[in-house]
PDB file of all heavy atoms in Angstrom:
ATOM      1  N   GLU A   1      24.846 -21.037   9.620  1.00  0.00           N
ATOM      2  CA  GLU A   1      24.302 -20.093   8.577  1.00  0.00           C
ATOM      3  C   GLU A   1      22.809 -20.020   8.735  1.00  0.00           C
ATOM      4  O   GLU A   1      22.141 -21.060   8.983  1.00  0.00           O
ATOM      5  CB  GLU A   1      24.637 -20.710   7.145  1.00  0.00           C
ATOM      6  CG  GLU A   1      26.038 -20.790   6.774  1.00  0.00           C
ATOM      7  CD  GLU A   1      26.578 -19.313   6.522  1.00  0.00           C
ATOM      8  OE1 GLU A   1      25.727 -18.440   6.026  1.00  0.00           O
ATOM      9  OE2 GLU A   1      27.676 -19.012   7.028  1.00  0.00           O
ATOM     10  N   PRO A   2      22.264 -18.802   8.638  1.00  0.00           N
ATOM     11  CA  PRO A   2      20.854 -18.643   8.739  1.00  0.00           C
ATOM     12  C   PRO A   2      20.130 -19.347   7.527  1.00  0.00           C
ATOM     13  O   PRO A   2      20.742 -19.468   6.508  1.00  0.00           O
ATOM     14  CB  PRO A   2      20.541 -17.130   8.759  1.00  0.00           C
ATOM     15  CG  PRO A   2      21.828 -16.553   8.408  1.00  0.00           C
ATOM     16  CD  PRO A   2      22.938 -17.515   8.460  1.00  0.00           C
ATOM     17  N   ILE A   3      18.985 -19.816   7.766  1.00  0.00           N
ATOM     18  CA  ILE A   3      18.197 -20.445   6.669  1.00  0.00           C
ATOM     19  C   ILE A   3      17.063 -19.603   6.356  1.00  0.00           C
ATOM     20  O   ILE A   3      16.594 -18.791   7.194  1.00  0.00           O
ATOM     21  CB  ILE A   3      17.720 -21.850   7.063  1.00  0.00           C
ATOM     22  CG1 ILE A   3      16.875 -21.837   8.252  1.00  0.00           C
ATOM     23  CG2 ILE A   3      18.981 -22.772   7.273  1.00  0.00           C
ATOM     24  CD1 ILE A   3      16.147 -23.122   8.596  1.00  0.00           C
ATOM     25  N   THR A   4      16.511 -19.772   5.171  1.00  0.00           N
ATOM     26  CA  THR A   4      15.269 -19.075   4.717  1.00  0.00           C
ATOM     27  C   THR A   4      14.273 -20.085   4.325  1.00  0.00           C
ATOM     28  O   THR A   4      14.592 -21.001   3.528  1.00  0.00           O
ATOM     29  CB  THR A   4      15.586 -18.086   3.551  1.00  0.00           C
ATOM     30  OG1 THR A   4      16.640 -17.236   3.992  1.00  0.00           O
ATOM     31  CG2 THR A   4      14.373 -17.376   3.086  1.00  0.00           C
ATOM     32  N   LEU A   5      13.128 -19.955   4.799  1.00  0.00           N
ATOM     33  CA  LEU A   5      12.022 -20.876   4.502  1.00  0.00           C
ATOM     34  C   LEU A   5      11.097 -20.125   3.581  1.00  0.00           C
ATOM     35  O   LEU A   5      11.010 -18.907   3.538  1.00  0.00           O
ATOM     36  CB  LEU A   5      11.259 -21.281   5.763  1.00  0.00           C
ATOM     37  CG  LEU A   5      12.037 -21.822   6.880  1.00  0.00           C
ATOM     38  CD1 LEU A   5      11.228 -22.005   8.205  1.00  0.00           C
ATOM     39  CD2 LEU A   5      12.746 -23.166   6.577  1.00  0.00           C
ATOM     40  N   LYS A   6      10.363 -20.893   2.803  1.00  0.00           N
ATOM     41  CA  LYS A   6       9.438 -20.296   1.885  1.00  0.00           C
ATOM     42  C   LYS A   6       8.001 -20.835   2.100  1.00  0.00           C
ATOM     43  O   LYS A   6       7.838 -22.060   2.323  1.00  0.00           O
ATOM     44  CB  LYS A   6       9.718 -20.517   0.370  1.00  0.00           C
ATOM     45  CG  LYS A   6      10.983 -19.783   0.014  1.00  0.00           C
ATOM     46  CD  LYS A   6      11.267 -19.770  -1.456  1.00  0.00           C
ATOM     47  CE  LYS A   6      12.510 -19.008  -1.761  1.00  0.00           C
ATOM     48  NZ  LYS A   6      12.447 -18.245  -2.901  1.00  0.00           N
ATOM     49  N   ALA A   7       7.086 -19.948   2.168  1.00  0.00           N
ATOM     50  CA  ALA A   7       5.641 -20.324   2.362  1.00  0.00           C
ATOM     51  C   ALA A   7       4.799 -19.527   1.484  1.00  0.00           C
ATOM     52  O   ALA A   7       4.847 -18.273   1.569  1.00  0.00           O
ATOM     53  CB  ALA A   7       5.233 -20.223   3.840  1.00  0.00           C
ATOM     54  N   ASN A   8       4.047 -20.138   0.599  1.00  0.00           N
ATOM     55  CA  ASN A   8       3.169 -19.366  -0.250  1.00  0.00           C
ATOM     56  C   ASN A   8       3.931 -18.188  -0.991  1.00  0.00           C
ATOM     57  O   ASN A   8       3.526 -17.133  -1.093  1.00  0.00           O
ATOM     58  CB  ASN A   8       1.941 -18.743   0.490  1.00  0.00           C
ATOM     59  CG  ASN A   8       1.088 -19.820   1.020  1.00  0.00           C
ATOM     60  OD1 ASN A   8       1.036 -20.877   0.633  1.00  0.00           O
ATOM     61  ND2 ASN A   8       0.355 -19.447   2.099  1.00  0.00           N
ATOM     62  N   SER A   9       5.148 -18.604  -1.517  1.00  0.00           N
ATOM     63  CA  SER A   9       6.023 -17.659  -2.215  1.00  0.00           C
ATOM     64  C   SER A   9       6.575 -16.533  -1.377  1.00  0.00           C
ATOM     65  O   SER A   9       7.188 -15.634  -1.875  1.00  0.00           O
ATOM     66  CB  SER A   9       5.301 -17.039  -3.333  1.00  0.00           C
ATOM     67  OG  SER A   9       4.834 -18.065  -4.296  1.00  0.00           O
ATOM     68  N   ALA A  10       6.336 -16.505  -0.110  1.00  0.00           N
ATOM     69  CA  ALA A  10       6.900 -15.505   0.811  1.00  0.00           C
ATOM     70  C   ALA A  10       8.090 -16.173   1.560  1.00  0.00           C
ATOM     71  O   ALA A  10       8.082 -17.299   1.941  1.00  0.00           O
ATOM     72  CB  ALA A  10       5.865 -14.965   1.817  1.00  0.00           C
ATOM     73  N   GLU A  11       9.185 -15.320   1.716  1.00  0.00           N
ATOM     74  CA  GLU A  11      10.323 -15.788   2.398  1.00  0.00           C
ATOM     75  C   GLU A  11      10.126 -15.534   3.927  1.00  0.00           C
ATOM     76  O   GLU A  11       9.715 -14.465   4.360  1.00  0.00           O
ATOM     77  CB  GLU A  11      11.553 -15.149   1.923  1.00  0.00           C
ATOM     78  CG  GLU A  11      12.036 -15.592   0.535  1.00  0.00           C
ATOM     79  CD  GLU A  11      13.340 -15.130   0.075  1.00  0.00           C
ATOM     80  OE1 GLU A  11      13.994 -14.375   0.849  1.00  0.00           O
ATOM     81  OE2 GLU A  11      13.703 -15.349  -0.977  1.00  0.00           O
ATOM     82  N   ILE A  12      10.543 -16.541   4.724  1.00  0.00           N
ATOM     83  CA  ILE A  12      10.495 -16.355   6.187  1.00  0.00           C
ATOM     84  C   ILE A  12      11.868 -16.558   6.715  1.00  0.00           C
ATOM     85  O   ILE A  12      12.437 -17.679   6.417  1.00  0.00           O
ATOM     86  CB  ILE A  12       9.550 -17.474   6.766  1.00  0.00           C
ATOM     87  CG1 ILE A  12       8.128 -17.382   6.122  1.00  0.00           C
ATOM     88  CG2 ILE A  12       9.503 -17.245   8.317  1.00  0.00           C
ATOM     89  CD1 ILE A  12       7.252 -18.490   6.448  1.00  0.00           C
ATOM     90  N   GLU A  13      12.371 -15.607   7.386  1.00  0.00           N
ATOM     91  CA  GLU A  13      13.720 -15.763   7.886  1.00  0.00           C
ATOM     92  C   GLU A  13      13.797 -16.666   9.027  1.00  0.00           C
ATOM     93  O   GLU A  13      12.834 -16.846   9.768  1.00  0.00           O
ATOM     94  CB  GLU A  13      14.254 -14.374   8.268  1.00  0.00           C
ATOM     95  CG  GLU A  13      14.502 -13.446   7.090  1.00  0.00           C
ATOM     96  CD  GLU A  13      13.266 -12.779   6.699  1.00  0.00           C
ATOM     97  OE1 GLU A  13      12.299 -12.712   7.446  1.00  0.00           O
ATOM     98  OE2 GLU A  13      13.237 -12.266   5.511  1.00  0.00           O
ATOM     99  N   ALA A  14      14.917 -17.284   9.276  1.00  0.00           N
ATOM    100  CA  ALA A  14      15.183 -18.131  10.452  1.00  0.00           C
ATOM    101  C   ALA A  14      15.130 -17.252  11.733  1.00  0.00           C
ATOM    102  O   ALA A  14      15.302 -15.997  11.629  1.00  0.00           O
ATOM    103  CB  ALA A  14      16.559 -18.865  10.275  1.00  0.00           C
ATOM    104  N   PRO A  15      14.955 -17.874  12.862  1.00  0.00           N
ATOM    105  CA  PRO A  15      14.783 -17.051  14.129  1.00  0.00           C
ATOM    106  C   PRO A  15      15.923 -16.030  14.298  1.00  0.00           C
ATOM    107  O   PRO A  15      15.688 -14.864  14.773  1.00  0.00           O
ATOM    108  CB  PRO A  15      14.798 -18.077  15.200  1.00  0.00           C
ATOM    109  CG  PRO A  15      14.283 -19.379  14.489  1.00  0.00           C
ATOM    110  CD  PRO A  15      14.810 -19.284  13.112  1.00  0.00           C
ATOM    111  N   SER A  16      17.140 -16.342  14.065  1.00  0.00           N
ATOM    112  CA  SER A  16      18.271 -15.431  14.317  1.00  0.00           C
ATOM    113  C   SER A  16      18.059 -14.149  13.384  1.00  0.00           C
ATOM    114  O   SER A  16      18.343 -13.056  13.824  1.00  0.00           O
ATOM    115  CB  SER A  16      19.645 -16.014  14.063  1.00  0.00           C
ATOM    116  OG  SER A  16      19.719 -16.532  12.645  1.00  0.00           O
ATOM    117  N   GLU A  17      17.728 -14.355  12.174  1.00  0.00           N
ATOM    118  CA  GLU A  17      17.358 -13.241  11.259  1.00  0.00           C
ATOM    119  C   GLU A  17      16.182 -12.372  11.738  1.00  0.00           C
ATOM    120  O   GLU A  17      16.173 -11.176  11.713  1.00  0.00           O
ATOM    121  CB  GLU A  17      17.200 -13.685   9.839  1.00  0.00           C
ATOM    122  CG  GLU A  17      16.922 -12.596   8.849  1.00  0.00           C
ATOM    123  CD  GLU A  17      17.979 -11.465   8.727  1.00  0.00           C
ATOM    124  OE1 GLU A  17      19.107 -11.759   9.000  1.00  0.00           O
ATOM    125  OE2 GLU A  17      17.699 -10.376   8.373  1.00  0.00           O
ATOM    126  N   LEU A  18      15.247 -13.077  12.201  1.00  0.00           N
ATOM    127  CA  LEU A  18      14.009 -12.420  12.726  1.00  0.00           C
ATOM    128  C   LEU A  18      14.337 -11.577  13.905  1.00  0.00           C
ATOM    129  O   LEU A  18      13.958 -10.398  14.043  1.00  0.00           O
ATOM    130  CB  LEU A  18      12.947 -13.454  13.107  1.00  0.00           C
ATOM    131  CG  LEU A  18      11.656 -12.925  13.795  1.00  0.00           C
ATOM    132  CD1 LEU A  18      10.942 -11.976  12.822  1.00  0.00           C
ATOM    133  CD2 LEU A  18      10.749 -14.044  14.146  1.00  0.00           C
ATOM    134  N   GLN A  19      15.133 -12.107  14.830  1.00  0.00           N
ATOM    135  CA  GLN A  19      15.594 -11.380  15.994  1.00  0.00           C
ATOM    136  C   GLN A  19      16.439 -10.089  15.614  1.00  0.00           C
ATOM    137  O   GLN A  19      16.302  -9.072  16.107  1.00  0.00           O
ATOM    138  CB  GLN A  19      16.416 -12.208  16.977  1.00  0.00           C
ATOM    139  CG  GLN A  19      15.524 -13.137  17.751  1.00  0.00           C
ATOM    140  CD  GLN A  19      16.321 -13.773  18.892  1.00  0.00           C
ATOM    141  OE1 GLN A  19      17.479 -14.100  18.696  1.00  0.00           O
ATOM    142  NE2 GLN A  19      15.737 -14.034  19.985  1.00  0.00           N
ATOM    143  N   GLU A  20      17.251 -10.328  14.523  1.00  0.00           N
ATOM    144  CA  GLU A  20      18.039  -9.146  14.071  1.00  0.00           C
ATOM    145  C   GLU A  20      17.186  -7.993  13.501  1.00  0.00           C
ATOM    146  O   GLU A  20      17.429  -6.793  13.721  1.00  0.00           O
ATOM    147  CB  GLU A  20      19.017  -9.638  13.014  1.00  0.00           C
ATOM    148  CG  GLU A  20      19.905  -8.533  12.420  1.00  0.00           C
ATOM    149  CD  GLU A  20      20.788  -7.828  13.480  1.00  0.00           C
ATOM    150  OE1 GLU A  20      21.064  -8.414  14.591  1.00  0.00           O
ATOM    151  OE2 GLU A  20      21.220  -6.740  13.205  1.00  0.00           O
ATOM    152  N   GLN A  21      16.152  -8.398  12.764  1.00  0.00           N
ATOM    153  CA  GLN A  21      15.183  -7.486  12.145  1.00  0.00           C
ATOM    154  C   GLN A  21      14.486  -6.721  13.327  1.00  0.00           C
ATOM    155  O   GLN A  21      14.318  -5.474  13.200  1.00  0.00           O
ATOM    156  CB  GLN A  21      14.084  -8.123  11.275  1.00  0.00           C
ATOM    157  CG  GLN A  21      14.675  -8.578  10.034  1.00  0.00           C
ATOM    158  CD  GLN A  21      13.549  -9.192   9.102  1.00  0.00           C
ATOM    159  OE1 GLN A  21      12.543  -9.663   9.672  1.00  0.00           O
ATOM    160  NE2 GLN A  21      13.742  -9.198   7.827  1.00  0.00           N
ATOM    161  N   ILE A  22      14.048  -7.399  14.313  1.00  0.00           N
ATOM    162  CA  ILE A  22      13.331  -6.849  15.482  1.00  0.00           C
ATOM    163  C   ILE A  22      14.358  -5.875  16.195  1.00  0.00           C
ATOM    164  O   ILE A  22      13.979  -4.674  16.544  1.00  0.00           O
ATOM    165  CB  ILE A  22      12.856  -7.838  16.409  1.00  0.00           C
ATOM    166  CG1 ILE A  22      11.743  -8.636  15.779  1.00  0.00           C
ATOM    167  CG2 ILE A  22      12.370  -7.209  17.756  1.00  0.00           C
ATOM    168  CD1 ILE A  22      11.293  -9.957  16.482  1.00  0.00           C
ATOM    169  N   ARG A  23      15.582  -6.279  16.421  1.00  0.00           N
ATOM    170  CA  ARG A  23      16.642  -5.483  17.061  1.00  0.00           C
ATOM    171  C   ARG A  23      16.781  -4.180  16.325  1.00  0.00           C
ATOM    172  O   ARG A  23      16.876  -3.084  16.903  1.00  0.00           O
ATOM    173  CB  ARG A  23      17.931  -6.259  17.204  1.00  0.00           C
ATOM    174  CG  ARG A  23      18.965  -5.512  17.993  1.00  0.00           C
ATOM    175  CD  ARG A  23      20.365  -6.050  17.819  1.00  0.00           C
ATOM    176  NE  ARG A  23      20.805  -5.882  16.439  1.00  0.00           N
ATOM    177  CZ  ARG A  23      21.225  -4.751  15.912  1.00  0.00           C
ATOM    178  NH1 ARG A  23      21.253  -3.640  16.478  1.00  0.00           N
ATOM    179  NH2 ARG A  23      21.717  -4.762  14.632  1.00  0.00           N
ATOM    180  N   ARG A  24      16.969  -4.318  14.985  1.00  0.00           N
ATOM    181  CA  ARG A  24      17.164  -3.020  14.119  1.00  0.00           C
ATOM    182  C   ARG A  24      15.976  -2.115  14.280  1.00  0.00           C
ATOM    183  O   ARG A  24      16.177  -0.860  14.477  1.00  0.00           O
ATOM    184  CB  ARG A  24      17.447  -3.424  12.675  1.00  0.00           C
ATOM    185  CG  ARG A  24      18.853  -3.917  12.399  1.00  0.00           C
ATOM    186  CD  ARG A  24      19.133  -3.994  10.992  1.00  0.00           C
ATOM    187  NE  ARG A  24      18.170  -4.868  10.254  1.00  0.00           N
ATOM    188  CZ  ARG A  24      18.374  -6.012   9.811  1.00  0.00           C
ATOM    189  NH1 ARG A  24      19.569  -6.622   9.868  1.00  0.00           N
ATOM    190  NH2 ARG A  24      17.504  -6.748   9.158  1.00  0.00           N
ATOM    191  N   ARG A  25      14.745  -2.699  14.206  1.00  0.00           N
ATOM    192  CA  ARG A  25      13.622  -1.838  14.252  1.00  0.00           C
ATOM    193  C   ARG A  25      13.396  -1.214  15.717  1.00  0.00           C
ATOM    194  O   ARG A  25      13.052  -0.014  15.780  1.00  0.00           O
ATOM    195  CB  ARG A  25      12.331  -2.541  13.935  1.00  0.00           C
ATOM    196  CG  ARG A  25      11.022  -1.829  13.977  1.00  0.00           C
ATOM    197  CD  ARG A  25      11.069  -0.610  13.019  1.00  0.00           C
ATOM    198  NE  ARG A  25       9.813   0.123  13.243  1.00  0.00           N
ATOM    199  CZ  ARG A  25       9.766   1.487  13.175  1.00  0.00           C
ATOM    200  NH1 ARG A  25      10.812   2.168  12.898  1.00  0.00           N
ATOM    201  NH2 ARG A  25       8.624   2.009  13.390  1.00  0.00           N
ATOM    202  N   ALA A  26      13.739  -2.003  16.729  1.00  0.00           N
ATOM    203  CA  ALA A  26      13.693  -1.438  18.109  1.00  0.00           C
ATOM    204  C   ALA A  26      14.643  -0.255  18.221  1.00  0.00           C
ATOM    205  O   ALA A  26      14.329   0.740  18.878  1.00  0.00           O
ATOM    206  CB  ALA A  26      13.920  -2.487  19.146  1.00  0.00           C
ATOM    207  N   TYR A  27      15.779  -0.361  17.651  1.00  0.00           N
ATOM    208  CA  TYR A  27      16.747   0.755  17.713  1.00  0.00           C
ATOM    209  C   TYR A  27      16.298   1.846  16.945  1.00  0.00           C
ATOM    210  O   TYR A  27      16.543   3.087  17.373  1.00  0.00           O
ATOM    211  CB  TYR A  27      18.123   0.254  17.232  1.00  0.00           C
ATOM    212  CG  TYR A  27      19.116   1.238  17.426  1.00  0.00           C
ATOM    213  CD1 TYR A  27      19.737   1.483  18.749  1.00  0.00           C
ATOM    214  CD2 TYR A  27      19.674   2.053  16.418  1.00  0.00           C
ATOM    215  CE1 TYR A  27      20.606   2.413  18.993  1.00  0.00           C
ATOM    216  CE2 TYR A  27      20.656   3.058  16.625  1.00  0.00           C
ATOM    217  CZ  TYR A  27      21.125   3.216  17.935  1.00  0.00           C
ATOM    218  OH  TYR A  27      22.101   4.179  18.207  1.00  0.00           O
ATOM    219  N   GLU A  28      15.636   1.714  15.812  1.00  0.00           N
ATOM    220  CA  GLU A  28      15.046   2.855  15.074  1.00  0.00           C
ATOM    221  C   GLU A  28      14.074   3.539  15.921  1.00  0.00           C
ATOM    222  O   GLU A  28      14.008   4.802  15.934  1.00  0.00           O
ATOM    223  CB  GLU A  28      14.401   2.322  13.821  1.00  0.00           C
ATOM    224  CG  GLU A  28      15.333   1.893  12.739  1.00  0.00           C
ATOM    225  CD  GLU A  28      14.553   1.246  11.534  1.00  0.00           C
ATOM    226  OE1 GLU A  28      13.296   1.178  11.500  1.00  0.00           O
ATOM    227  OE2 GLU A  28      15.286   0.833  10.568  1.00  0.00           O
ATOM    228  N   LEU A  29      13.218   2.798  16.615  1.00  0.00           N
ATOM    229  CA  LEU A  29      12.192   3.424  17.476  1.00  0.00           C
ATOM    230  C   LEU A  29      12.817   4.191  18.551  1.00  0.00           C
ATOM    231  O   LEU A  29      12.413   5.310  18.932  1.00  0.00           O
ATOM    232  CB  LEU A  29      11.319   2.346  18.071  1.00  0.00           C
ATOM    233  CG  LEU A  29      10.363   1.581  17.020  1.00  0.00           C
ATOM    234  CD1 LEU A  29       9.738   0.401  17.632  1.00  0.00           C
ATOM    235  CD2 LEU A  29       9.306   2.624  16.483  1.00  0.00           C
ATOM    236  N   PHE A  30      13.859   3.696  19.162  1.00  0.00           N
ATOM    237  CA  PHE A  30      14.689   4.353  20.219  1.00  0.00           C
ATOM    238  C   PHE A  30      15.231   5.718  19.649  1.00  0.00           C
ATOM    239  O   PHE A  30      15.115   6.688  20.295  1.00  0.00           O
ATOM    240  CB  PHE A  30      15.780   3.507  20.621  1.00  0.00           C
ATOM    241  CG  PHE A  30      16.889   4.105  21.489  1.00  0.00           C
ATOM    242  CD1 PHE A  30      16.666   4.376  22.816  1.00  0.00           C
ATOM    243  CD2 PHE A  30      18.110   4.344  20.888  1.00  0.00           C
ATOM    244  CE1 PHE A  30      17.664   4.936  23.613  1.00  0.00           C
ATOM    245  CE2 PHE A  30      19.106   4.986  21.610  1.00  0.00           C
ATOM    246  CZ  PHE A  30      18.876   5.282  23.050  1.00  0.00           C
TER     247      PHE A  30
END
């Protein structure tokens, strides 16, 4: 399961979620 970290009230996704966000944005650019 992906984990979510919190820093200064901001959520930071675990690496797998971060990669998924990058993948989706890269496809949008494509």
